[in-house]
Every structure is written in C-alpha cells, then in structure tokens.
Amino acid sequence: MQNKYKYLALSIATALLVGCGGGSSDSGDVDGQPGSGTPDGSTVTVDATSGAPTMLDLASGAVVPTEDDVWHVVYQKYVGFSTNGGASGPGSVEGCIAHEYEALFDSDGNAVESEFAALTMDNTIEQYNAVTAESCTDFETDSIKPGITTEDWYAYGSPNNIVADNAFIIRHNDGTSYSRIKVTQYYMAPDHSSYDVSLDIETWNDNTQTFDAPFSVTLPYATRNPVPQYYDVNAKQLVDSDGEWDIHYYIAGRDMMLQTNGGVSGDGNGGTAVVLLDGGASAVTDPTDTGREEGKQIYDYEADTGSGVLSEPGSFGPLQYGVAVVIKCGQRLLLT
C-alpha cells in the first residue's frame, strides 16, 4: 500500500469563505454572499505535529477541539485531509476540485519538471482568482479507504480470482494482537446470489514469538439478503457489528471490502501494517517489530481512513500547486 507523508504543519489560504458555520448563531456567509466573520484571503495555520486529527471550521477559521464541534475539514499527519461527511465524519460536508493543473504529474504519479517550470505566479494567478463557488457542481462525500484494497488481492479470471501471494499483516481490535491474512479464494455464484471470500489466517503467538499454524475461514455474502460479516479472529467466530470484531467483509458496488476495526471503519484499535520488507507481509517474522529505525520490519499500523476530493490530486491534495477546492455544507459553499 502507498503511504503519503504530509507536512507537520500546514497553512490553508482561504480565497473566499461562503458560510456553513453551523450551530445556532451562524455568522458566516450564506448563498454566495460574503460574511463578516472571516476576511477574504485569510490564512489559517494548523499545527498537526502531534499526529492527532486537527479539525478546522472554515467559516470562522478556528481550530476546534473535538469532533463534536462544528468543523468542515480535518488534517492528520501521515493521513492527510478529509471532510466532515460520508465516511470521514458525521456532517454533510461535500467537496469538488474547482481548479488544478493536471499535467504536473504523469500517469505514474511522477512530477513532470517541464510542466512545473512553465508555471509562474504571473501566468497562473488570473486563472486561480477566477475560481468561484459556482466553478464546479460535481460534489462528493468521502468514501472509505481501507488498508486492504480490492486491487491488493482480487484478480478476475486468475486461479481462484485472487492475486497470487497476496498477504497482509493486521492489528486486531484490541490493539495488542496480530495476524497475517491471505485471501485464498473469491467465489462468485453463477447467478450472482453470493460472493464468498476465503481466508487463511496465521495468528501471532506472544508466548512462542512465532505465527501459529494457519486456519481457514470462509465469509459468505448473500446479495439478495445481504448481511455484512464481522469476524473475531481470536475467538474464531462471527460476531455482531458491536462485538469485538477484527475483520469486516461486505460488498460495496464493485469493491469487495475487507476492513479492520479502527479509524473510520470501527471503534477499535485495528489497522493494517505498512510493511518495510521487500518480500511484503509474507516475509514478516515479527509483527511487533515496528518503527522508523533501519532494519525494522513494519513502519506502523494504519487504521482505515476516508478518501475524497481532499485526497487528490497527485500526492499532495490541496497542497499541490494551483489547486482550488469548493466545500459545500447543505446549500452553503466554502471555497479554499
């Protein structure tokens, strides 16, 4: 999986703020009319060095202390930006990219030096300033970005419909136990009535300091009466959604979701390992061997996150040169 590193602190230059302050005394802007709460062109500096999520109310320009307060975007070190809507928050915030320079990066995500060199403030400022709250209408909310993606293990038409040698190290819901998971088969019923995924699971044994012998489990998913599957690895059984689950399996459109119990996916301490070894998860011999030092097997465990317009474009999202994003909350718009 790709790990995107962000700055420890960031500045959000607000070209125009148009309302959506929330609460009972909203002093922001409404329906495209500038309000008096925040001047045009203001800059807000967000200190996110602690690694904790930092929520920002774009209407007031204030950093808010908890997710229970009114906020529109959130930034977290090593995770990036999210909006308060969809998978990332309880609000109704949506967003769209109103302006960008698509040629700055090639199809592999590499910077195109000549394209960067061609851009200056003089030849780009007019286009940037021309962006308004009406510059785009294709708004979207954040969706779940799991640590285990469908592309990591699914391959239609291959033996058992899986990527050969796929493997993942996960941290369980309790935050202290670990397993190596391999998808061994994905079965699609001929009439599409069910989509079943089979896993081999090796659980880490603290006493022997080795992985136990693998056991197999098949998680069914009936499309005509869909019931998401929540699996407790330590107990080796299915549990309710409010139970001590470690793996959540269900179908979402064209994605076969395998989620861990943490981040936007659950209230636990689960996550997927960012493996540093050339051989990937299959080469890991100790899932607790984490850190930034040379020779470590795992960098860290990352909980499932939200992904949306603030995750794009390129590797820097809204920090990329010349990017303007329109944020909508109900009928009120915020342009950042």
Protein backbone atom coordinates (compact mmCIF):
# COMPACT_ATOMS: atom_id res chain seq x y z
CA MET A 1 0.00 0.00 0.00
CA GLN A 2 1.13 3.55 -0.62
CA ASN A 3 1.91 5.77 2.36
CA LYS A 4 1.56 9.51 1.80
CA TYR A 5 3.55 11.73 4.14
CA LYS A 6 2.37 15.26 4.75
CA TYR A 7 3.82 18.35 6.36
CA LEU A 8 3.89 18.57 10.15
CA ALA A 9 2.12 21.90 9.97
CA LEU A 10 0.08 23.40 7.16
CA SER A 11 -1.45 26.65 6.08
CA ILE A 12 -4.81 26.90 4.33
CA ALA A 13 -5.10 30.05 2.27
CA THR A 14 -8.79 30.88 2.04
CA ALA A 15 -9.60 32.74 -1.14
CA LEU A 16 -13.28 33.06 -0.25
CA LEU A 17 -15.40 31.90 2.64
CA VAL A 18 -19.08 31.44 1.97
CA GLY A 19 -20.92 30.38 5.11
CA CYS A 20 -21.69 26.98 6.55
CA GLY A 21 -20.67 27.94 10.04
CA GLY A 22 -23.24 25.68 11.67
CA GLY A 23 -24.66 25.99 15.14
CA SER A 24 -27.42 28.25 16.37
CA SER A 25 -25.54 31.50 15.75
CA ASP A 26 -24.10 31.15 12.27
CA SER A 27 -22.29 34.38 11.41
CA GLY A 28 -20.74 33.01 8.22
CA ASP A 29 -21.71 33.61 4.63
CA VAL A 30 -24.87 32.35 3.02
CA ASP A 31 -25.73 31.59 -0.60
CA GLY A 32 -22.57 33.08 -2.05
CA GLN A 33 -22.72 36.35 -0.09
CA PRO A 34 -19.55 37.19 1.87
CA GLY A 35 -19.98 37.28 5.61
CA SER A 36 -18.18 39.44 8.13
CA GLY A 37 -16.66 36.63 10.20
CA THR A 38 -13.57 35.92 8.07
CA PRO A 39 -11.89 38.30 5.61
CA ASP A 40 -11.11 37.25 2.03
CA GLY A 41 -7.60 35.89 1.56
CA SER A 42 -7.04 34.99 5.19
CA THR A 43 -4.52 32.31 6.12
CA VAL A 44 -5.03 29.75 8.85
CA THR A 45 -2.05 27.82 10.20
CA VAL A 46 -2.88 24.40 11.62
CA ASP A 47 -0.38 22.73 13.93
CA ALA A 48 -0.79 18.99 13.37
CA THR A 49 2.60 17.90 14.71
CA SER A 50 1.11 15.74 17.46
CA GLY A 51 -0.34 13.25 15.00
CA ALA A 52 -3.88 13.68 16.35
CA PRO A 53 -6.68 14.75 13.97
CA THR A 54 -6.98 18.55 13.82
CA MET A 55 -10.44 19.83 12.89
CA LEU A 56 -10.96 23.21 11.24
CA ASP A 57 -14.09 25.35 10.99
CA LEU A 58 -13.62 27.11 7.65
CA ALA A 59 -16.33 29.69 8.34
CA SER A 60 -14.58 31.06 11.41
CA GLY A 61 -11.05 29.96 10.62
CA ALA A 62 -10.84 28.33 14.04
CA VAL A 63 -9.34 25.01 15.04
CA VAL A 64 -11.96 23.16 17.09
CA PRO A 65 -11.07 20.85 19.97
CA THR A 66 -13.34 17.85 19.35
CA GLU A 67 -15.29 16.16 16.58
CA ASP A 68 -18.49 17.13 18.41
CA ASP A 69 -17.91 20.78 17.44
CA VAL A 70 -18.74 22.36 14.08
CA TRP A 71 -15.96 21.60 11.59
CA HIS A 72 -15.55 21.19 7.85
CA VAL A 73 -12.12 19.69 7.16
CA VAL A 74 -9.67 17.68 9.23
CA TYR A 75 -5.94 17.16 8.81
CA GLN A 76 -3.86 14.39 10.37
CA LYS A 77 -0.15 13.79 10.00
CA TYR A 78 0.69 10.82 7.72
CA VAL A 79 -3.03 10.55 6.80
CA GLY A 80 -3.83 13.83 5.06
CA PHE A 81 -7.08 15.76 4.63
CA SER A 82 -10.70 14.66 4.99
CA THR A 83 -14.09 16.38 5.01
CA ASN A 84 -16.82 16.17 7.62
CA GLY A 85 -19.13 13.91 5.65
CA GLY A 86 -19.56 10.43 4.26
CA ALA A 87 -17.06 8.00 5.77
CA SER A 88 -14.95 10.71 7.40
CA GLY A 89 -17.41 12.46 9.68
CA PRO A 90 -20.98 12.79 10.91
CA GLY A 91 -21.66 16.00 8.97
CA SER A 92 -22.97 16.65 5.46
CA VAL A 93 -19.89 18.34 4.02
CA GLU A 94 -19.14 17.67 0.34
CA GLY A 95 -16.39 18.90 -1.95
CA CYS A 96 -15.16 19.15 -5.52
CA ILE A 97 -11.93 20.21 -7.21
CA ALA A 98 -12.64 23.51 -8.96
CA HIS A 99 -9.17 24.11 -10.40
CA GLU A 100 -5.96 22.12 -10.93
CA TYR A 101 -3.10 21.64 -13.37
CA GLU A 102 -3.45 18.03 -14.46
CA ALA A 103 -0.19 17.92 -16.45
CA LEU A 104 2.05 18.40 -13.41
CA PHE A 105 2.27 14.64 -12.84
CA ASP A 106 2.38 11.75 -15.28
CA SER A 107 0.20 8.63 -15.15
CA ASP A 108 2.59 7.00 -12.67
CA GLY A 109 2.42 9.95 -10.29
CA ASN A 110 5.89 11.28 -11.14
CA ALA A 111 6.43 15.03 -11.33
CA VAL A 112 6.90 16.47 -14.82
CA GLU A 113 9.67 19.02 -14.34
CA SER A 114 8.98 20.98 -17.51
CA GLU A 115 5.33 21.49 -16.55
CA PHE A 116 6.28 22.84 -13.14
CA ALA A 117 8.92 25.12 -14.68
CA ALA A 118 6.36 26.59 -17.06
CA LEU A 119 4.10 27.84 -14.27
CA THR A 120 4.66 31.16 -12.55
CA MET A 121 2.52 33.41 -10.40
CA ASP A 122 2.20 35.83 -13.29
CA ASN A 123 0.75 33.27 -15.72
CA THR A 124 -1.46 31.41 -13.23
CA ILE A 125 -2.86 33.96 -10.80
CA GLU A 126 -5.64 35.13 -13.13
CA GLN A 127 -6.99 31.60 -13.59
CA TYR A 128 -6.78 30.91 -9.88
CA ASN A 129 -8.56 34.12 -8.92
CA ALA A 130 -11.30 33.39 -11.46
CA VAL A 131 -12.46 30.38 -9.46
CA THR A 132 -15.76 30.98 -7.67
CA ALA A 133 -18.19 28.94 -5.61
CA GLU A 134 -20.02 28.14 -8.86
CA SER A 135 -16.94 26.78 -10.66
CA CYS A 136 -17.94 23.15 -10.17
CA THR A 137 -21.07 21.18 -9.39
CA ASP A 138 -19.78 17.60 -9.15
CA PHE A 139 -19.69 17.33 -5.37
CA GLU A 140 -18.90 14.16 -3.46
CA THR A 141 -18.54 12.97 0.11
CA ASP A 142 -15.62 10.98 1.45
CA SER A 143 -15.60 7.22 1.00
CA ILE A 144 -13.74 4.57 2.98
CA LYS A 145 -10.11 3.98 2.08
CA PRO A 146 -9.28 0.62 3.68
CA GLY A 147 -5.76 -0.55 4.39
CA ILE A 148 -6.60 -3.68 2.39
CA THR A 149 -7.92 -2.66 -1.02
CA THR A 150 -9.73 -4.87 -3.52
CA GLU A 151 -6.88 -4.45 -6.02
CA ASP A 152 -4.42 -5.81 -3.47
CA TRP A 153 -5.93 -9.31 -3.56
CA TYR A 154 -8.63 -9.66 -6.25
CA ALA A 155 -7.83 -10.58 -9.86
CA TYR A 156 -10.74 -11.67 -12.04
CA GLY A 157 -10.04 -14.76 -14.12
CA SER A 158 -6.91 -15.79 -12.27
CA PRO A 159 -6.90 -19.06 -10.28
CA ASN A 160 -9.48 -18.62 -7.51
CA ASN A 161 -9.87 -14.97 -8.65
CA ILE A 162 -7.06 -13.81 -6.40
CA VAL A 163 -3.68 -12.10 -6.69
CA ALA A 164 -1.01 -14.73 -6.20
CA ASP A 165 0.99 -14.46 -2.96
CA ASN A 166 -1.23 -11.74 -1.51
CA ALA A 167 -0.75 -11.25 2.24
CA PHE A 168 -1.49 -8.63 4.88
CA ILE A 169 -0.48 -8.09 8.50
CA ILE A 170 -3.29 -6.67 10.62
CA ARG A 171 -3.50 -5.45 14.18
CA HIS A 172 -6.61 -6.69 15.94
CA ASN A 173 -9.37 -4.70 17.55
CA ASP A 174 -7.66 -4.94 20.97
CA GLY A 175 -4.55 -3.19 19.70
CA THR A 176 -2.21 -5.84 21.13
CA SER A 177 -2.69 -8.95 18.97
CA TYR A 178 -1.82 -9.53 15.34
CA SER A 179 -2.41 -11.85 12.39
CA ARG A 180 -1.20 -12.49 8.87
CA ILE A 181 -4.11 -12.80 6.46
CA LYS A 182 -4.06 -14.31 2.98
CA VAL A 183 -7.05 -14.37 0.65
CA THR A 184 -7.12 -17.86 -0.85
CA GLN A 185 -10.34 -17.78 -2.89
CA TYR A 186 -13.08 -15.47 -4.05
CA TYR A 187 -16.18 -17.36 -5.19
CA MET A 188 -18.91 -15.73 -7.26
CA ALA A 189 -22.09 -17.79 -7.59
CA PRO A 190 -23.18 -18.26 -11.24
CA ASP A 191 -26.42 -16.42 -10.53
CA HIS A 192 -24.59 -13.73 -8.52
CA SER A 193 -26.56 -14.64 -5.42
CA SER A 194 -23.46 -14.78 -3.25
CA TYR A 195 -19.88 -13.56 -3.18
CA ASP A 196 -17.79 -15.53 -0.72
CA VAL A 197 -14.22 -14.83 0.34
CA SER A 198 -11.94 -17.47 1.91
CA LEU A 199 -9.02 -16.55 4.14
CA ASP A 200 -6.02 -18.27 5.66
CA ILE A 201 -5.19 -16.65 9.00
CA GLU A 202 -1.98 -17.01 11.00
CA THR A 203 -2.27 -15.51 14.47
CA TRP A 204 0.83 -14.19 16.26
CA ASN A 205 1.68 -16.15 19.40
CA ASP A 206 3.24 -13.97 22.09
CA ASN A 207 4.45 -16.99 24.04
CA THR A 208 6.35 -18.70 21.22
CA GLN A 209 7.12 -15.45 19.38
CA THR A 210 6.02 -17.07 16.12
CA PHE A 211 2.92 -17.20 13.96
CA ASP A 212 0.64 -20.14 14.74
CA ALA A 213 -0.27 -22.59 12.00
CA PRO A 214 -2.85 -21.08 9.63
CA PHE A 215 -6.54 -21.83 9.91
CA SER A 216 -9.11 -21.23 7.19
CA VAL A 217 -12.41 -19.39 7.26
CA THR A 218 -14.94 -18.53 4.55
CA LEU A 219 -17.02 -15.37 4.91
CA PRO A 220 -20.22 -15.55 2.82
CA TYR A 221 -22.11 -12.59 1.45
CA ALA A 222 -25.61 -13.18 0.05
CA THR A 223 -26.57 -10.40 -2.35
CA ARG A 224 -30.34 -10.94 -2.14
CA ASN A 225 -30.40 -10.57 1.62
CA PRO A 226 -27.02 -9.01 2.35
CA VAL A 227 -25.62 -9.36 5.84
CA PRO A 228 -22.16 -7.84 6.41
CA GLN A 229 -19.79 -10.30 8.07
CA TYR A 230 -17.90 -9.33 11.24
CA TYR A 231 -15.22 -11.81 12.26
CA ASP A 232 -13.40 -12.10 15.59
CA VAL A 233 -10.02 -13.67 14.79
CA ASN A 234 -9.07 -14.52 18.37
CA ALA A 235 -12.43 -16.20 19.03
CA LYS A 236 -12.53 -17.70 15.52
CA GLN A 237 -16.19 -16.84 15.06
CA LEU A 238 -18.61 -14.37 13.53
CA VAL A 239 -19.88 -11.68 15.89
CA ASP A 240 -22.34 -8.79 15.83
CA SER A 241 -21.29 -5.40 14.49
CA ASP A 242 -20.92 -4.09 18.04
CA GLY A 243 -18.79 -7.07 19.08
CA GLU A 244 -15.02 -7.48 19.30
CA TRP A 245 -14.55 -7.95 15.56
CA ASP A 246 -11.27 -7.71 13.65
CA ILE A 247 -12.34 -8.17 10.01
CA HIS A 248 -15.43 -6.72 8.35
CA TYR A 249 -16.39 -8.14 4.94
CA TYR A 250 -19.10 -6.84 2.61
CA ILE A 251 -19.72 -5.78 -0.98
CA ALA A 252 -19.86 -2.08 -1.89
CA GLY A 253 -20.53 -1.61 -5.59
CA ARG A 254 -17.56 -3.15 -7.39
CA ASP A 255 -15.42 -3.29 -4.28
CA MET A 256 -15.07 -6.29 -2.01
CA MET A 257 -14.39 -4.62 1.30
CA LEU A 258 -12.09 -6.13 3.91
CA GLN A 259 -11.85 -3.62 6.74
CA THR A 260 -10.08 -3.58 10.09
CA ASN A 261 -11.68 -2.35 13.28
CA GLY A 262 -10.26 1.14 13.58
CA GLY A 263 -10.34 4.64 12.13
CA VAL A 264 -13.43 5.31 10.03
CA SER A 265 -14.27 1.59 9.93
CA GLY A 266 -14.74 0.91 13.63
CA ASP A 267 -14.21 1.99 17.22
CA GLY A 268 -11.35 -0.43 17.89
CA ASN A 269 -7.59 -0.14 17.62
CA GLY A 270 -7.22 -2.23 14.48
CA GLY A 271 -5.11 -1.37 11.47
CA THR A 272 -3.09 -2.66 8.54
CA ALA A 273 0.71 -2.82 8.63
CA VAL A 274 2.89 -0.64 6.44
CA VAL A 275 5.50 -3.32 5.73
CA LEU A 276 9.08 -2.28 5.03
CA LEU A 277 10.43 -5.62 3.83
CA ASP A 278 10.99 -6.34 0.15
CA GLY A 279 9.04 -9.58 0.48
CA GLY A 280 5.99 -7.79 1.86
CA ALA A 281 3.73 -9.23 4.55
CA SER A 282 4.74 -12.79 3.68
CA ALA A 283 8.29 -12.02 4.84
CA VAL A 284 7.31 -10.61 8.24
CA THR A 285 8.53 -12.76 11.14
CA ASP A 286 7.54 -10.40 13.97
CA PRO A 287 4.51 -8.09 13.61
CA THR A 288 5.56 -6.16 16.72
CA ASP A 289 8.87 -5.10 15.15
CA THR A 290 7.77 -1.57 14.29
CA GLY A 291 9.48 1.77 13.99
CA ARG A 292 11.40 4.13 11.78
CA GLU A 293 14.85 2.73 12.52
CA GLU A 294 16.81 0.83 9.90
CA GLY A 295 16.14 -2.90 9.97
CA LYS A 296 12.58 -2.67 11.28
CA GLN A 297 10.03 -4.90 9.58
CA ILE A 298 6.97 -2.66 9.89
CA TYR A 299 6.81 1.12 9.81
CA ASP A 300 3.49 1.37 11.63
CA TYR A 301 -0.12 0.21 11.58
CA GLU A 302 -2.61 2.46 9.81
CA ALA A 303 -6.32 2.49 10.55
CA ASP A 304 -8.79 2.73 7.66
CA THR A 305 -9.28 6.32 6.59
CA GLY A 306 -11.62 8.42 4.49
CA SER A 307 -10.77 9.39 0.93
CA GLY A 308 -12.28 12.15 -1.16
CA VAL A 309 -11.60 15.38 -3.01
CA LEU A 310 -9.06 16.49 -0.38
CA SER A 311 -7.06 13.31 -1.04
CA GLU A 312 -6.48 14.48 -4.62
CA PRO A 313 -4.89 15.41 -6.92
CA GLY A 314 -1.44 13.83 -7.02
CA SER A 315 0.42 13.13 -3.79
CA PHE A 316 -0.25 16.48 -2.14
CA GLY A 317 -4.00 17.03 -2.40
CA PRO A 318 -4.98 20.65 -1.77
CA LEU A 319 -1.32 21.50 -1.04
CA GLN A 320 -0.48 20.90 -4.71
CA TYR A 321 0.26 24.00 -6.78
CA GLY A 322 -2.76 25.88 -8.11
CA VAL A 323 -5.42 23.63 -6.59
CA ALA A 324 -8.74 25.18 -5.55
CA VAL A 325 -11.43 23.18 -3.79
CA VAL A 326 -15.07 24.12 -3.23
CA ILE A 327 -16.52 22.81 0.03
CA LYS A 328 -20.31 22.60 0.38
CA CYS A 329 -22.35 22.14 3.53
CA GLY A 330 -26.04 21.97 2.63
CA GLN A 331 -26.62 24.93 0.29
CA ARG A 332 -23.73 26.97 1.64
CA LEU A 333 -20.32 26.96 0.00
CA LEU A 334 -16.77 27.42 1.18
CA LEU A 335 -14.01 27.93 -1.35
CA THR A 336 -10.50 27.04 -0.20
